[in-house]
Amino acid sequence: GVFSVAVAYLLWYRGVQRLGNSRTAVYSNLVPVIALLT
């Protein structure tokens, strides 16, 4: 609840604000890789 929703949203929106949508979106491609490894 706290980390995967609230904290994660804050980190995501800070990325959108400072790097823009395209550069921020690239990072989400790493999520399934980390999920598979975990």
ModelCIF file with pLDDT and N, C-alpha, C, O atoms, coordinates in Angstrom:
data_MODEL
#
_entry.id   MODEL 
#
_entity.id                         1 
_entity.type                       polymer 
_entity.pdbx_number_of_molecules   1 
#
_entity_poly.entity_id                      1 
_entity_poly.type                           'polypeptide(L)' 
_entity_poly.nstd_linkage                   no 
_entity_poly.nstd_monomer                   no 
_entity_poly.pdbx_seq_one_letter_code       GVFSVAVAYLLWYRGVQRLGNSRTAVYSNLVPVIALLT 
_entity_poly.pdbx_seq_one_letter_code_can   GVFSVAVAYLLWYRGVQRLGNSRTAVYSNLVPVIALLT 
_entity_poly.pdbx_strand_id                 A 
#
loop_
_entity_poly_seq.entity_id 
_entity_poly_seq.num 
_entity_poly_seq.mon_id 
_entity_poly_seq.hetero 
1 1  GLY n 
1 2  VAL n 
1 3  PHE n 
1 4  SER n 
1 5  VAL n 
1 6  ALA n 
1 7  VAL n 
1 8  ALA n 
1 9  TYR n 
1 10 LEU n 
1 11 LEU n 
1 12 TRP n 
1 13 TYR n 
1 14 ARG n 
1 15 GLY n 
1 16 VAL n 
1 17 GLN n 
1 18 ARG n 
1 19 LEU n 
1 20 GLY n 
1 21 ASN n 
1 22 SER n 
1 23 ARG n 
1 24 THR n 
1 25 ALA n 
1 26 VAL n 
1 27 TYR n 
1 28 SER n 
1 29 ASN n 
1 30 LEU n 
1 31 VAL n 
1 32 PRO n 
1 33 VAL n 
1 34 ILE n 
1 35 ALA n 
1 36 LEU n 
1 37 LEU n 
1 38 THR n 
#
_struct_asym.id          A 
_struct_asym.entity_id   1 
#
loop_
_ma_qa_metric.id 
_ma_qa_metric.mode 
_ma_qa_metric.name 
_ma_qa_metric.software_group_id 
_ma_qa_metric.type 
1 global pLDDT . pLDDT 
2 local  pLDDT . pLDDT 
#
_ma_qa_metric_global.metric_id      1 
_ma_qa_metric_global.metric_value   71.97 
_ma_qa_metric_global.model_id       1 
_ma_qa_metric_global.ordinal_id     1 
#
loop_
_ma_qa_metric_local.label_asym_id 
_ma_qa_metric_local.label_comp_id 
_ma_qa_metric_local.label_seq_id 
_ma_qa_metric_local.metric_id 
_ma_qa_metric_local.metric_value 
_ma_qa_metric_local.model_id 
_ma_qa_metric_local.ordinal_id 
A GLY 1  2 93.00 1 1  
A VAL 2  2 93.00 1 2  
A PHE 3  2 93.00 1 3  
A SER 4  2 90.00 1 4  
A VAL 5  2 86.00 1 5  
A ALA 6  2 85.00 1 6  
A VAL 7  2 86.00 1 7  
A ALA 8  2 85.00 1 8  
A TYR 9  2 74.00 1 9  
A LEU 10 2 77.00 1 10 
A LEU 11 2 81.00 1 11 
A TRP 12 2 74.00 1 12 
A TYR 13 2 69.00 1 13 
A ARG 14 2 72.00 1 14 
A GLY 15 2 72.00 1 15 
A VAL 16 2 64.00 1 16 
A GLN 17 2 65.00 1 17 
A ARG 18 2 71.00 1 18 
A LEU 19 2 65.00 1 19 
A GLY 20 2 56.00 1 20 
A ASN 21 2 49.00 1 21 
A SER 22 2 46.00 1 22 
A ARG 23 2 55.00 1 23 
A THR 24 2 60.00 1 24 
A ALA 25 2 59.00 1 25 
A VAL 26 2 56.00 1 26 
A TYR 27 2 66.00 1 27 
A SER 28 2 67.00 1 28 
A ASN 29 2 63.00 1 29 
A LEU 30 2 68.00 1 30 
A VAL 31 2 74.00 1 31 
A PRO 32 2 72.00 1 32 
A VAL 33 2 72.00 1 33 
A ILE 34 2 76.00 1 34 
A ALA 35 2 75.00 1 35 
A LEU 36 2 72.00 1 36 
A LEU 37 2 75.00 1 37 
A THR 38 2 79.00 1 38 
#
loop_
_atom_site.group_PDB 
_atom_site.id 
_atom_site.type_symbol 
_atom_site.label_atom_id 
_atom_site.label_alt_id 
_atom_site.label_comp_id 
_atom_site.label_asym_id 
_atom_site.label_entity_id 
_atom_site.label_seq_id 
_atom_site.pdbx_PDB_ins_code 
_atom_site.Cartn_x 
_atom_site.Cartn_y 
_atom_site.Cartn_z 
_atom_site.occupancy 
_atom_site.B_iso_or_equiv 
_atom_site.pdbx_formal_charge 
_atom_site.auth_seq_id 
_atom_site.auth_comp_id 
_atom_site.auth_asym_id 
_atom_site.auth_atom_id 
_atom_site.pdbx_PDB_model_num 
ATOM 1   N N  . GLY A 1 1  ? 0.804  -1.212  0.000   1.00 93.00 ? 1  GLY A N  1 
ATOM 2   C CA . GLY A 1 1  ? 0.000  0.000   0.000   1.00 93.00 ? 1  GLY A CA 1 
ATOM 3   C C  . GLY A 1 1  ? 0.837  1.261   0.000   1.00 93.00 ? 1  GLY A C  1 
ATOM 4   O O  . GLY A 1 1  ? 0.716  2.100   -0.892  1.00 93.00 ? 1  GLY A O  1 
ATOM 5   N N  . VAL A 1 2  ? 1.689  1.390   1.008   1.00 93.00 ? 2  VAL A N  1 
ATOM 6   C CA . VAL A 1 2  ? 2.460  2.624   1.170   1.00 93.00 ? 2  VAL A CA 1 
ATOM 7   C C  . VAL A 1 2  ? 3.535  2.763   0.095   1.00 93.00 ? 2  VAL A C  1 
ATOM 8   O O  . VAL A 1 2  ? 3.672  3.820   -0.520  1.00 93.00 ? 2  VAL A O  1 
ATOM 9   N N  . PHE A 1 3  ? 4.292  1.696   -0.129  1.00 93.00 ? 3  PHE A N  1 
ATOM 10  C CA . PHE A 1 3  ? 5.424  1.810   -1.046  1.00 93.00 ? 3  PHE A CA 1 
ATOM 11  C C  . PHE A 1 3  ? 5.018  1.621   -2.506  1.00 93.00 ? 3  PHE A C  1 
ATOM 12  O O  . PHE A 1 3  ? 5.348  2.453   -3.350  1.00 93.00 ? 3  PHE A O  1 
ATOM 13  N N  . SER A 1 4  ? 4.297  0.524   -2.815  1.00 90.00 ? 4  SER A N  1 
ATOM 14  C CA . SER A 1 4  ? 4.027  0.238   -4.224  1.00 90.00 ? 4  SER A CA 1 
ATOM 15  C C  . SER A 1 4  ? 2.981  1.166   -4.827  1.00 90.00 ? 4  SER A C  1 
ATOM 16  O O  . SER A 1 4  ? 2.904  1.285   -6.050  1.00 90.00 ? 4  SER A O  1 
ATOM 17  N N  . VAL A 1 5  ? 2.177  1.825   -4.003  1.00 86.00 ? 5  VAL A N  1 
ATOM 18  C CA . VAL A 1 5  ? 1.183  2.766   -4.523  1.00 86.00 ? 5  VAL A CA 1 
ATOM 19  C C  . VAL A 1 5  ? 1.631  4.199   -4.243  1.00 86.00 ? 5  VAL A C  1 
ATOM 20  O O  . VAL A 1 5  ? 1.943  4.939   -5.176  1.00 86.00 ? 5  VAL A O  1 
ATOM 21  N N  . ALA A 1 6  ? 1.666  4.599   -2.973  1.00 85.00 ? 6  ALA A N  1 
ATOM 22  C CA . ALA A 1 6  ? 1.889  6.009   -2.635  1.00 85.00 ? 6  ALA A CA 1 
ATOM 23  C C  . ALA A 1 6  ? 3.307  6.486   -2.956  1.00 85.00 ? 6  ALA A C  1 
ATOM 24  O O  . ALA A 1 6  ? 3.477  7.451   -3.701  1.00 85.00 ? 6  ALA A O  1 
ATOM 25  N N  . VAL A 1 7  ? 4.324  5.821   -2.404  1.00 86.00 ? 7  VAL A N  1 
ATOM 26  C CA . VAL A 1 7  ? 5.701  6.258   -2.630  1.00 86.00 ? 7  VAL A CA 1 
ATOM 27  C C  . VAL A 1 7  ? 6.085  6.117   -4.101  1.00 86.00 ? 7  VAL A C  1 
ATOM 28  O O  . VAL A 1 7  ? 6.748  6.988   -4.663  1.00 86.00 ? 7  VAL A O  1 
ATOM 29  N N  . ALA A 1 8  ? 5.666  5.020   -4.716  1.00 85.00 ? 8  ALA A N  1 
ATOM 30  C CA . ALA A 1 8  ? 5.998  4.800   -6.125  1.00 85.00 ? 8  ALA A CA 1 
ATOM 31  C C  . ALA A 1 8  ? 5.392  5.883   -7.007  1.00 85.00 ? 8  ALA A C  1 
ATOM 32  O O  . ALA A 1 8  ? 6.044  6.349   -7.940  1.00 85.00 ? 8  ALA A O  1 
ATOM 33  N N  . TYR A 1 9  ? 4.161  6.290   -6.730  1.00 74.00 ? 9  TYR A N  1 
ATOM 34  C CA . TYR A 1 9  ? 3.542  7.369   -7.512  1.00 74.00 ? 9  TYR A CA 1 
ATOM 35  C C  . TYR A 1 9  ? 4.347  8.659   -7.384  1.00 74.00 ? 9  TYR A C  1 
ATOM 36  O O  . TYR A 1 9  ? 4.550  9.370   -8.368  1.00 74.00 ? 9  TYR A O  1 
ATOM 37  N N  . LEU A 1 10 ? 4.804  8.959   -6.169  1.00 77.00 ? 10 LEU A N  1 
ATOM 38  C CA . LEU A 1 10 ? 5.572  10.186  -5.973  1.00 77.00 ? 10 LEU A CA 1 
ATOM 39  C C  . LEU A 1 10 ? 6.868  10.155  -6.790  1.00 77.00 ? 10 LEU A C  1 
ATOM 40  O O  . LEU A 1 10 ? 7.220  11.145  -7.431  1.00 77.00 ? 10 LEU A O  1 
ATOM 41  N N  . LEU A 1 11 ? 7.581  9.013   -6.769  1.00 81.00 ? 11 LEU A N  1 
ATOM 42  C CA . LEU A 1 11 ? 8.812  8.884   -7.550  1.00 81.00 ? 11 LEU A CA 1 
ATOM 43  C C  . LEU A 1 11 ? 8.525  8.981   -9.049  1.00 81.00 ? 11 LEU A C  1 
ATOM 44  O O  . LEU A 1 11 ? 9.291  9.596   -9.791  1.00 81.00 ? 11 LEU A O  1 
ATOM 45  N N  . TRP A 1 12 ? 7.433  8.380   -9.488  1.00 74.00 ? 12 TRP A N  1 
ATOM 46  C CA . TRP A 1 12 ? 7.068  8.412   -10.903 1.00 74.00 ? 12 TRP A CA 1 
ATOM 47  C C  . TRP A 1 12 ? 6.778  9.836   -11.371 1.00 74.00 ? 12 TRP A C  1 
ATOM 48  O O  . TRP A 1 12 ? 7.270  10.267  -12.414 1.00 74.00 ? 12 TRP A O  1 
ATOM 49  N N  . TYR A 1 13 ? 5.981  10.558  -10.599 1.00 69.00 ? 13 TYR A N  1 
ATOM 50  C CA . TYR A 1 13 ? 5.593  11.902  -11.014 1.00 69.00 ? 13 TYR A CA 1 
ATOM 51  C C  . TYR A 1 13 ? 6.744  12.887  -10.945 1.00 69.00 ? 13 TYR A C  1 
ATOM 52  O O  . TYR A 1 13 ? 6.795  13.847  -11.715 1.00 69.00 ? 13 TYR A O  1 
ATOM 53  N N  . ARG A 1 14 ? 7.679  12.651  -10.014 1.00 72.00 ? 14 ARG A N  1 
ATOM 54  C CA . ARG A 1 14 ? 8.868  13.492  -9.990  1.00 72.00 ? 14 ARG A CA 1 
ATOM 55  C C  . ARG A 1 14 ? 9.696  13.258  -11.253 1.00 72.00 ? 14 ARG A C  1 
ATOM 56  O O  . ARG A 1 14 ? 10.280 14.191  -11.804 1.00 72.00 ? 14 ARG A O  1 
ATOM 57  N N  . GLY A 1 15 ? 9.740  11.994  -11.708 1.00 72.00 ? 15 GLY A N  1 
ATOM 58  C CA . GLY A 1 15 ? 10.430 11.699  -12.951 1.00 72.00 ? 15 GLY A CA 1 
ATOM 59  C C  . GLY A 1 15 ? 9.775  12.371  -14.139 1.00 72.00 ? 15 GLY A C  1 
ATOM 60  O O  . GLY A 1 15 ? 10.461 12.941  -14.988 1.00 72.00 ? 15 GLY A O  1 
ATOM 61  N N  . VAL A 1 16 ? 8.441  12.309  -14.208 1.00 64.00 ? 16 VAL A N  1 
ATOM 62  C CA . VAL A 1 16 ? 7.716  12.957  -15.304 1.00 64.00 ? 16 VAL A CA 1 
ATOM 63  C C  . VAL A 1 16 ? 7.962  14.455  -15.297 1.00 64.00 ? 16 VAL A C  1 
ATOM 64  O O  . VAL A 1 16 ? 8.145  15.066  -16.350 1.00 64.00 ? 16 VAL A O  1 
ATOM 65  N N  . GLN A 1 17 ? 7.968  15.047  -14.104 1.00 65.00 ? 17 GLN A N  1 
ATOM 66  C CA . GLN A 1 17 ? 8.155  16.492  -13.986 1.00 65.00 ? 17 GLN A CA 1 
ATOM 67  C C  . GLN A 1 17 ? 9.549  16.923  -14.434 1.00 65.00 ? 17 GLN A C  1 
ATOM 68  O O  . GLN A 1 17 ? 9.690  17.950  -15.098 1.00 65.00 ? 17 GLN A O  1 
ATOM 69  N N  . ARG A 1 18 ? 10.577 16.156  -14.082 1.00 71.00 ? 18 ARG A N  1 
ATOM 70  C CA . ARG A 1 18 ? 11.951 16.588  -14.319 1.00 71.00 ? 18 ARG A CA 1 
ATOM 71  C C  . ARG A 1 18 ? 12.578 16.011  -15.588 1.00 71.00 ? 18 ARG A C  1 
ATOM 72  O O  . ARG A 1 18 ? 13.450 16.638  -16.190 1.00 71.00 ? 18 ARG A O  1 
ATOM 73  N N  . LEU A 1 19 ? 12.136 14.816  -15.997 1.00 65.00 ? 19 LEU A N  1 
ATOM 74  C CA . LEU A 1 19 ? 12.732 14.186  -17.170 1.00 65.00 ? 19 LEU A CA 1 
ATOM 75  C C  . LEU A 1 19 ? 11.799 14.128  -18.365 1.00 65.00 ? 19 LEU A C  1 
ATOM 76  O O  . LEU A 1 19 ? 12.249 13.954  -19.498 1.00 65.00 ? 19 LEU A O  1 
ATOM 77  N N  . GLY A 1 20 ? 10.491 14.274  -18.121 1.00 56.00 ? 20 GLY A N  1 
ATOM 78  C CA . GLY A 1 20 ? 9.525  14.147  -19.196 1.00 56.00 ? 20 GLY A CA 1 
ATOM 79  C C  . GLY A 1 20 ? 8.968  12.738  -19.276 1.00 56.00 ? 20 GLY A C  1 
ATOM 80  O O  . GLY A 1 20 ? 9.522  11.804  -18.696 1.00 56.00 ? 20 GLY A O  1 
ATOM 81  N N  . ASN A 1 21 ? 7.863  12.594  -20.003 1.00 49.00 ? 21 ASN A N  1 
ATOM 82  C CA . ASN A 1 21 ? 7.172  11.306  -20.083 1.00 49.00 ? 21 ASN A CA 1 
ATOM 83  C C  . ASN A 1 21 ? 8.024  10.212  -20.720 1.00 49.00 ? 21 ASN A C  1 
ATOM 84  O O  . ASN A 1 21 ? 8.108  9.103   -20.192 1.00 49.00 ? 21 ASN A O  1 
ATOM 85  N N  . SER A 1 22 ? 8.660  10.524  -21.861 1.00 46.00 ? 22 SER A N  1 
ATOM 86  C CA . SER A 1 22 ? 9.363  9.488   -22.611 1.00 46.00 ? 22 SER A CA 1 
ATOM 87  C C  . SER A 1 22 ? 10.535 8.907   -21.829 1.00 46.00 ? 22 SER A C  1 
ATOM 88  O O  . SER A 1 22 ? 10.683 7.689   -21.738 1.00 46.00 ? 22 SER A O  1 
ATOM 89  N N  . ARG A 1 23 ? 11.366 9.778   -21.267 1.00 55.00 ? 23 ARG A N  1 
ATOM 90  C CA . ARG A 1 23 ? 12.532 9.290   -20.533 1.00 55.00 ? 23 ARG A CA 1 
ATOM 91  C C  . ARG A 1 23 ? 12.119 8.559   -19.256 1.00 55.00 ? 23 ARG A C  1 
ATOM 92  O O  . ARG A 1 23 ? 12.772 7.595   -18.855 1.00 55.00 ? 23 ARG A O  1 
ATOM 93  N N  . THR A 1 24 ? 11.052 9.008   -18.623 1.00 60.00 ? 24 THR A N  1 
ATOM 94  C CA . THR A 1 24 ? 10.576 8.324   -17.424 1.00 60.00 ? 24 THR A CA 1 
ATOM 95  C C  . THR A 1 24 ? 10.018 6.954   -17.757 1.00 60.00 ? 24 THR A C  1 
ATOM 96  O O  . THR A 1 24 ? 10.253 5.983   -17.038 1.00 60.00 ? 24 THR A O  1 
ATOM 97  N N  . ALA A 1 25 ? 9.268  6.881   -18.865 1.00 59.00 ? 25 ALA A N  1 
ATOM 98  C CA . ALA A 1 25 ? 8.610  5.632   -19.234 1.00 59.00 ? 25 ALA A CA 1 
ATOM 99  C C  . ALA A 1 25 ? 9.601  4.513   -19.509 1.00 59.00 ? 25 ALA A C  1 
ATOM 100 O O  . ALA A 1 25 ? 9.274  3.342   -19.317 1.00 59.00 ? 25 ALA A O  1 
ATOM 101 N N  . VAL A 1 26 ? 10.802 4.848   -19.952 1.00 56.00 ? 26 VAL A N  1 
ATOM 102 C CA . VAL A 1 26 ? 11.803 3.826   -20.249 1.00 56.00 ? 26 VAL A CA 1 
ATOM 103 C C  . VAL A 1 26 ? 12.070 2.951   -19.032 1.00 56.00 ? 26 VAL A C  1 
ATOM 104 O O  . VAL A 1 26 ? 12.316 1.753   -19.168 1.00 56.00 ? 26 VAL A O  1 
ATOM 105 N N  . TYR A 1 27 ? 12.023 3.544   -17.849 1.00 66.00 ? 27 TYR A N  1 
ATOM 106 C CA . TYR A 1 27 ? 12.343 2.797   -16.637 1.00 66.00 ? 27 TYR A CA 1 
ATOM 107 C C  . TYR A 1 27 ? 11.342 1.684   -16.346 1.00 66.00 ? 27 TYR A C  1 
ATOM 108 O O  . TYR A 1 27 ? 11.707 0.666   -15.759 1.00 66.00 ? 27 TYR A O  1 
ATOM 109 N N  . SER A 1 28 ? 10.088 1.863   -16.747 1.00 67.00 ? 28 SER A N  1 
ATOM 110 C CA . SER A 1 28 ? 9.081  0.844   -16.447 1.00 67.00 ? 28 SER A CA 1 
ATOM 111 C C  . SER A 1 28 ? 9.365  -0.470  -17.159 1.00 67.00 ? 28 SER A C  1 
ATOM 112 O O  . SER A 1 28 ? 8.844  -1.511  -16.761 1.00 67.00 ? 28 SER A O  1 
ATOM 113 N N  . ASN A 1 29 ? 10.193 -0.437  -18.219 1.00 63.00 ? 29 ASN A N  1 
ATOM 114 C CA . ASN A 1 29 ? 10.553 -1.671  -18.905 1.00 63.00 ? 29 ASN A CA 1 
ATOM 115 C C  . ASN A 1 29 ? 11.380 -2.601  -18.021 1.00 63.00 ? 29 ASN A C  1 
ATOM 116 O O  . ASN A 1 29 ? 11.463 -3.800  -18.289 1.00 63.00 ? 29 ASN A O  1 
ATOM 117 N N  . LEU A 1 30 ? 11.994 -2.056  -16.968 1.00 68.00 ? 30 LEU A N  1 
ATOM 118 C CA . LEU A 1 30 ? 12.789 -2.883  -16.063 1.00 68.00 ? 30 LEU A CA 1 
ATOM 119 C C  . LEU A 1 30 ? 11.924 -3.629  -15.054 1.00 68.00 ? 30 LEU A C  1 
ATOM 120 O O  . LEU A 1 30 ? 12.385 -4.597  -14.451 1.00 68.00 ? 30 LEU A O  1 
ATOM 121 N N  . VAL A 1 31 ? 10.676 -3.196  -14.859 1.00 74.00 ? 31 VAL A N  1 
ATOM 122 C CA . VAL A 1 31 ? 9.834  -3.785  -13.810 1.00 74.00 ? 31 VAL A CA 1 
ATOM 123 C C  . VAL A 1 31 ? 9.609  -5.278  -14.011 1.00 74.00 ? 31 VAL A C  1 
ATOM 124 O O  . VAL A 1 31 ? 9.828  -6.039  -13.069 1.00 74.00 ? 31 VAL A O  1 
ATOM 125 N N  . PRO A 1 32 ? 9.180  -5.747  -15.201 1.00 72.00 ? 32 PRO A N  1 
ATOM 126 C CA . PRO A 1 32 ? 8.945  -7.190  -15.338 1.00 72.00 ? 32 PRO A CA 1 
ATOM 127 C C  . PRO A 1 32 ? 10.215 -8.019  -15.198 1.00 72.00 ? 32 PRO A C  1 
ATOM 128 O O  . PRO A 1 32 ? 10.153 -9.162  -14.744 1.00 72.00 ? 32 PRO A O  1 
ATOM 129 N N  . VAL A 1 33 ? 11.359 -7.471  -15.578 1.00 72.00 ? 33 VAL A N  1 
ATOM 130 C CA . VAL A 1 33 ? 12.615 -8.202  -15.420 1.00 72.00 ? 33 VAL A CA 1 
ATOM 131 C C  . VAL A 1 33 ? 12.898 -8.419  -13.938 1.00 72.00 ? 33 VAL A C  1 
ATOM 132 O O  . VAL A 1 33 ? 13.240 -9.525  -13.520 1.00 72.00 ? 33 VAL A O  1 
ATOM 133 N N  . ILE A 1 34 ? 12.756 -7.363  -13.151 1.00 76.00 ? 34 ILE A N  1 
ATOM 134 C CA . ILE A 1 34 ? 12.976 -7.472  -11.711 1.00 76.00 ? 34 ILE A CA 1 
ATOM 135 C C  . ILE A 1 34 ? 11.937 -8.398  -11.081 1.00 76.00 ? 34 ILE A C  1 
ATOM 136 O O  . ILE A 1 34 ? 12.251 -9.169  -10.175 1.00 76.00 ? 34 ILE A O  1 
ATOM 137 N N  . ALA A 1 35 ? 10.700 -8.317  -11.568 1.00 75.00 ? 35 ALA A N  1 
ATOM 138 C CA . ALA A 1 35 ? 9.643  -9.178  -11.028 1.00 75.00 ? 35 ALA A CA 1 
ATOM 139 C C  . ALA A 1 35 ? 9.917  -10.650 -11.307 1.00 75.00 ? 35 ALA A C  1 
ATOM 140 O O  . ALA A 1 35 ? 9.714  -11.493 -10.433 1.00 75.00 ? 35 ALA A O  1 
ATOM 141 N N  . LEU A 1 36 ? 10.372 -10.968 -12.508 1.00 72.00 ? 36 LEU A N  1 
ATOM 142 C CA . LEU A 1 36 ? 10.699 -12.357 -12.833 1.00 72.00 ? 36 LEU A CA 1 
ATOM 143 C C  . LEU A 1 36 ? 11.843 -12.875 -11.968 1.00 72.00 ? 36 LEU A C  1 
ATOM 144 O O  . LEU A 1 36 ? 11.789 -13.995 -11.461 1.00 72.00 ? 36 LEU A O  1 
ATOM 145 N N  . LEU A 1 37 ? 12.878 -12.052 -11.802 1.00 75.00 ? 37 LEU A N  1 
ATOM 146 C CA . LEU A 1 37 ? 14.014 -12.460 -10.975 1.00 75.00 ? 37 LEU A CA 1 
ATOM 147 C C  . LEU A 1 37 ? 13.597 -12.661 -9.523  1.00 75.00 ? 37 LEU A C  1 
ATOM 148 O O  . LEU A 1 37 ? 14.013 -13.623 -8.876  1.00 75.00 ? 37 LEU A O  1 
ATOM 149 N N  . THR A 1 38 ? 12.761 -11.735 -9.008  1.00 79.00 ? 38 THR A N  1 
ATOM 150 C CA . THR A 1 38 ? 12.300 -11.850 -7.626  1.00 79.00 ? 38 THR A CA 1 
ATOM 151 C C  . THR A 1 38 ? 11.456 -13.099 -7.427  1.00 79.00 ? 38 THR A C  1 
ATOM 152 O O  . THR A 1 38 ? 10.983 -13.355 -6.320  1.00 79.00 ? 38 THR A O  1 
#
